[in-house]
C-alpha atoms as a PDB file:
ATOM      1  CA  MET A   1       0.000   0.000   0.000  1.00  0.00           C
ATOM      2  CA  GLN A   2       1.266   3.462  -0.916  1.00  0.00           C
ATOM      3  CA  VAL A   3       0.211   6.374   1.309  1.00  0.00           C
ATOM      4  CA  ARG A   4       1.633   9.871   1.040  1.00  0.00           C
ATOM      5  CA  SER A   5       0.627  12.770   3.237  1.00  0.00           C
ATOM      6  CA  ARG A   6      -0.067  16.108   1.573  1.00  0.00           C
ATOM      7  CA  ASP A   7       2.283  17.650   4.130  1.00  0.00           C
ATOM      8  CA  ALA A   8       5.144  15.464   2.823  1.00  0.00           C
ATOM      9  CA  ALA A   9       4.631  16.659  -0.758  1.00  0.00           C
ATOM     10  CA  GLU A  10       6.823  19.651  -1.603  1.00  0.00           C
ATOM     11  CA  ALA A  11       5.109  22.417  -3.584  1.00  0.00           C
ATOM     12  CA  PHE A  12       6.586  23.630  -6.880  1.00  0.00           C
ATOM     13  CA  THR A  13       5.468  25.600  -9.956  1.00  0.00           C
ATOM     14  CA  THR A  14       4.661  23.616 -13.103  1.00  0.00           C
ATOM     15  CA  LEU A  15       5.221  24.584 -16.738  1.00  0.00           C
ATOM     16  CA  ASP A  16       1.641  25.951 -16.981  1.00  0.00           C
ATOM     17  CA  GLY A  17       2.123  28.285 -13.992  1.00  0.00           C
ATOM     18  CA  SER A  18       0.132  26.492 -11.288  1.00  0.00           C
ATOM     19  CA  THR A  19       1.623  25.431  -7.964  1.00  0.00           C
ATOM     20  CA  ILE A  20       1.286  21.718  -7.327  1.00  0.00           C
ATOM     21  CA  ARG A  21       2.042  19.090  -4.731  1.00  0.00           C
ATOM     22  CA  VAL A  22       2.497  15.634  -6.240  1.00  0.00           C
ATOM     23  CA  LEU A  23       0.626  13.176  -4.048  1.00  0.00           C
ATOM     24  CA  LEU A  24       1.119   9.984  -6.062  1.00  0.00           C
ATOM     25  CA  ASP A  25       3.034   9.846  -9.305  1.00  0.00           C
ATOM     26  CA  GLY A  26       3.562   6.852 -11.532  1.00  0.00           C
ATOM     27  CA  PRO A  27       5.703   3.770 -10.936  1.00  0.00           C
ATOM     28  CA  GLN A  28       7.772   5.137  -8.037  1.00  0.00           C
ATOM     29  CA  ALA A  29       4.510   5.455  -6.086  1.00  0.00           C
ATOM     30  CA  GLY A  30       3.163   2.122  -7.263  1.00  0.00           C
ATOM     31  CA  ALA A  31       0.702   3.750  -9.704  1.00  0.00           C
ATOM     32  CA  LYS A  32       1.547   2.547 -13.202  1.00  0.00           C
ATOM     33  CA  ASN A  33      -1.256   4.256 -15.105  1.00  0.00           C
ATOM     34  CA  GLN A  34      -2.050   7.525 -13.345  1.00  0.00           C
ATOM     35  CA  SER A  35      -0.831  10.371 -11.162  1.00  0.00           C
ATOM     36  CA  LEU A  36      -2.527  12.571  -8.564  1.00  0.00           C
ATOM     37  CA  ALA A  37      -1.564  16.102  -7.541  1.00  0.00           C
ATOM     38  CA  GLU A  38      -3.088  19.005  -5.656  1.00  0.00           C
ATOM     39  CA  ALA A  39      -2.885  22.262  -7.623  1.00  0.00           C
ATOM     40  CA  THR A  40      -3.444  25.841  -6.492  1.00  0.00           C
ATOM     41  CA  LEU A  41      -3.849  29.198  -8.198  1.00  0.00           C
ATOM     42  CA  ASP A  42      -3.935  32.572  -6.443  1.00  0.00           C
ATOM     43  CA  PRO A  43      -6.962  34.839  -6.994  1.00  0.00           C
ATOM     44  CA  GLY A  44      -7.043  35.983 -10.626  1.00  0.00           C
ATOM     45  CA  GLN A  45      -4.058  33.817 -11.590  1.00  0.00           C
ATOM     46  CA  ALA A  46      -4.377  31.762 -14.780  1.00  0.00           C
ATOM     47  CA  THR A  47      -2.596  28.739 -16.129  1.00  0.00           C
ATOM     48  CA  MET A  48      -1.019  29.044 -19.546  1.00  0.00           C
ATOM     49  CA  ARG A  49      -3.254  27.496 -22.233  1.00  0.00           C
ATOM     50  CA  HIS A  50      -1.757  24.092 -23.039  1.00  0.00           C
ATOM     51  CA  ARG A  51      -2.520  20.489 -23.950  1.00  0.00           C
ATOM     52  CA  HIS A  52      -1.314  16.984 -23.176  1.00  0.00           C
ATOM     53  CA  PRO A  53      -1.307  14.750 -26.300  1.00  0.00           C
ATOM     54  CA  ARG A  54      -1.143  11.518 -24.266  1.00  0.00           C
ATOM     55  CA  SER A  55      -2.702  12.262 -20.864  1.00  0.00           C
ATOM     56  CA  GLU A  56      -6.368  12.574 -20.020  1.00  0.00           C
ATOM     57  CA  GLU A  57      -6.965  14.715 -16.931  1.00  0.00           C
ATOM     58  CA  ILE A  58      -9.691  15.135 -14.352  1.00  0.00           C
ATOM     59  CA  TYR A  59      -9.773  18.258 -12.172  1.00  0.00           C
ATOM     60  CA  PHE A  60     -11.802  18.111  -8.947  1.00  0.00           C
ATOM     61  CA  PHE A  61     -12.300  21.445  -7.155  1.00  0.00           C
ATOM     62  CA  LEU A  62     -11.744  21.485  -3.387  1.00  0.00           C
ATOM     63  CA  SER A  63     -12.010  25.237  -2.776  1.00  0.00           C
ATOM     64  CA  GLY A  64     -12.474  28.401  -4.785  1.00  0.00           C
ATOM     65  CA  GLY A  65     -12.950  27.997  -8.515  1.00  0.00           C
ATOM     66  CA  GLY A  66     -12.935  30.134 -11.620  1.00  0.00           C
ATOM     67  CA  ALA A  67     -13.362  30.062 -15.380  1.00  0.00           C
ATOM     68  CA  MET A  68     -12.357  26.764 -17.024  1.00  0.00           C
ATOM     69  CA  GLU A  69     -11.824  26.503 -20.771  1.00  0.00           C
ATOM     70  CA  VAL A  70     -11.511  23.167 -22.576  1.00  0.00           C
ATOM     71  CA  ASP A  71     -11.110  23.237 -26.376  1.00  0.00           C
ATOM     72  CA  GLY A  72     -12.933  26.557 -26.698  1.00  0.00           C
ATOM     73  CA  GLU A  73     -15.817  25.754 -24.333  1.00  0.00           C
ATOM     74  CA  ARG A  74     -15.755  28.008 -21.255  1.00  0.00           C
ATOM     75  CA  ARG A  75     -17.651  27.446 -17.987  1.00  0.00           C
ATOM     76  CA  GLU A  76     -17.547  28.646 -14.405  1.00  0.00           C
ATOM     77  CA  VAL A  77     -16.456  25.901 -11.995  1.00  0.00           C
ATOM     78  CA  GLY A  78     -16.345  25.683  -8.218  1.00  0.00           C
ATOM     79  CA  VAL A  79     -16.231  23.499  -5.136  1.00  0.00           C
ATOM     80  CA  GLY A  80     -17.428  19.967  -5.836  1.00  0.00           C
ATOM     81  CA  ASP A  81     -17.153  20.251  -9.623  1.00  0.00           C
ATOM     82  CA  ALA A  82     -15.214  17.666 -11.636  1.00  0.00           C
ATOM     83  CA  VAL A  83     -13.929  18.561 -15.113  1.00  0.00           C
ATOM     84  CA  LEU A  84     -12.855  16.009 -17.724  1.00  0.00           C
ATOM     85  CA  ILE A  85     -10.041  17.170 -19.995  1.00  0.00           C
ATOM     86  CA  PRO A  86      -9.607  14.675 -22.850  1.00  0.00           C
ATOM     87  CA  ALA A  87      -6.111  13.866 -24.101  1.00  0.00           C
ATOM     88  CA  GLY A  88      -5.072  16.501 -26.635  1.00  0.00           C
ATOM     89  CA  ALA A  89      -7.642  19.101 -25.518  1.00  0.00           C
ATOM     90  CA  ARG A  90      -6.299  22.620 -25.104  1.00  0.00           C
ATOM     91  CA  HIS A  91      -7.222  23.980 -21.693  1.00  0.00           C
ATOM     92  CA  GLU A  92      -6.678  26.745 -19.171  1.00  0.00           C
ATOM     93  CA  LEU A  93      -8.084  27.840 -15.841  1.00  0.00           C
ATOM     94  CA  THR A  94      -8.414  31.393 -14.537  1.00  0.00           C
ATOM     95  CA  ALA A  95      -8.976  31.432 -10.787  1.00  0.00           C
ATOM     96  CA  GLY A  96     -11.779  33.502  -9.328  1.00  0.00           C
ATOM     97  CA  SER A  97     -11.608  35.958  -6.415  1.00  0.00           C
ATOM     98  CA  GLU A  98     -10.994  33.142  -3.894  1.00  0.00           C
ATOM     99  CA  GLY A  99      -8.280  31.434  -5.940  1.00  0.00           C
ATOM    100  CA  ALA A 100      -8.589  27.754  -6.782  1.00  0.00           C
ATOM    101  CA  ARG A 101      -7.451  24.535  -5.114  1.00  0.00           C
ATOM    102  CA  PHE A 102      -8.127  21.313  -6.998  1.00  0.00           C
ATOM    103  CA  LEU A 103      -7.012  17.740  -7.427  1.00  0.00           C
ATOM    104  CA  CYS A 104      -5.570  16.814 -10.802  1.00  0.00           C
ATOM    105  CA  CYS A 105      -5.571  13.169 -11.853  1.00  0.00           C
ATOM    106  CA  CYS A 106      -3.630  12.305 -15.037  1.00  0.00           C
ATOM    107  CA  ALA A 107      -3.733   9.023 -16.939  1.00  0.00           C
ATOM    108  CA  PRO A 108      -1.136   8.101 -18.032  1.00  0.00           C
ATOM    109  CA  PRO A 109       0.899   9.932 -15.354  1.00  0.00           C
ATOM    110  CA  TYR A 110       1.809  13.588 -15.892  1.00  0.00           C
ATOM    111  CA  SER A 111       5.116  14.334 -17.595  1.00  0.00           C
ATOM    112  CA  ASP A 112       6.648  17.640 -18.715  1.00  0.00           C
ATOM    113  CA  ASP A 113       7.359  16.230 -22.188  1.00  0.00           C
ATOM    114  CA  ASP A 114       3.591  15.687 -22.638  1.00  0.00           C
ATOM    115  CA  THR A 115       2.831  19.386 -22.002  1.00  0.00           C
ATOM    116  CA  LEU A 116       2.647  21.500 -25.173  1.00  0.00           C
ATOM    117  CA  PHE A 117       1.999  25.242 -25.539  1.00  0.00           C
ATOM    118  CA  ASP A 118       0.986  25.502 -29.200  1.00  0.00           C
END
């Protein structure tokens, strides 16, 4: 069994501009097909629009929210909302006035080389 405390996960800034804590990530955590991270954005902060050709993502909002765009479709999201981001879909999130804190599950696991800004 693999268990990792959020407090043991060091925060860092990703290529898209969000701050994340990797909770479980690929083979080193025993998860061969997925990864899980907690991401945060400050109020009004936005990720850079990007896509992942191989990875499908699910965002689940824990606090705050904002405007989510997936392949040109834009919607307001907030606490309790889950967003499916298909592999290859261009996406970005602009946090609202309370910022945004969400879980990000990637399958296959997240990798920088699968993050494109085109």
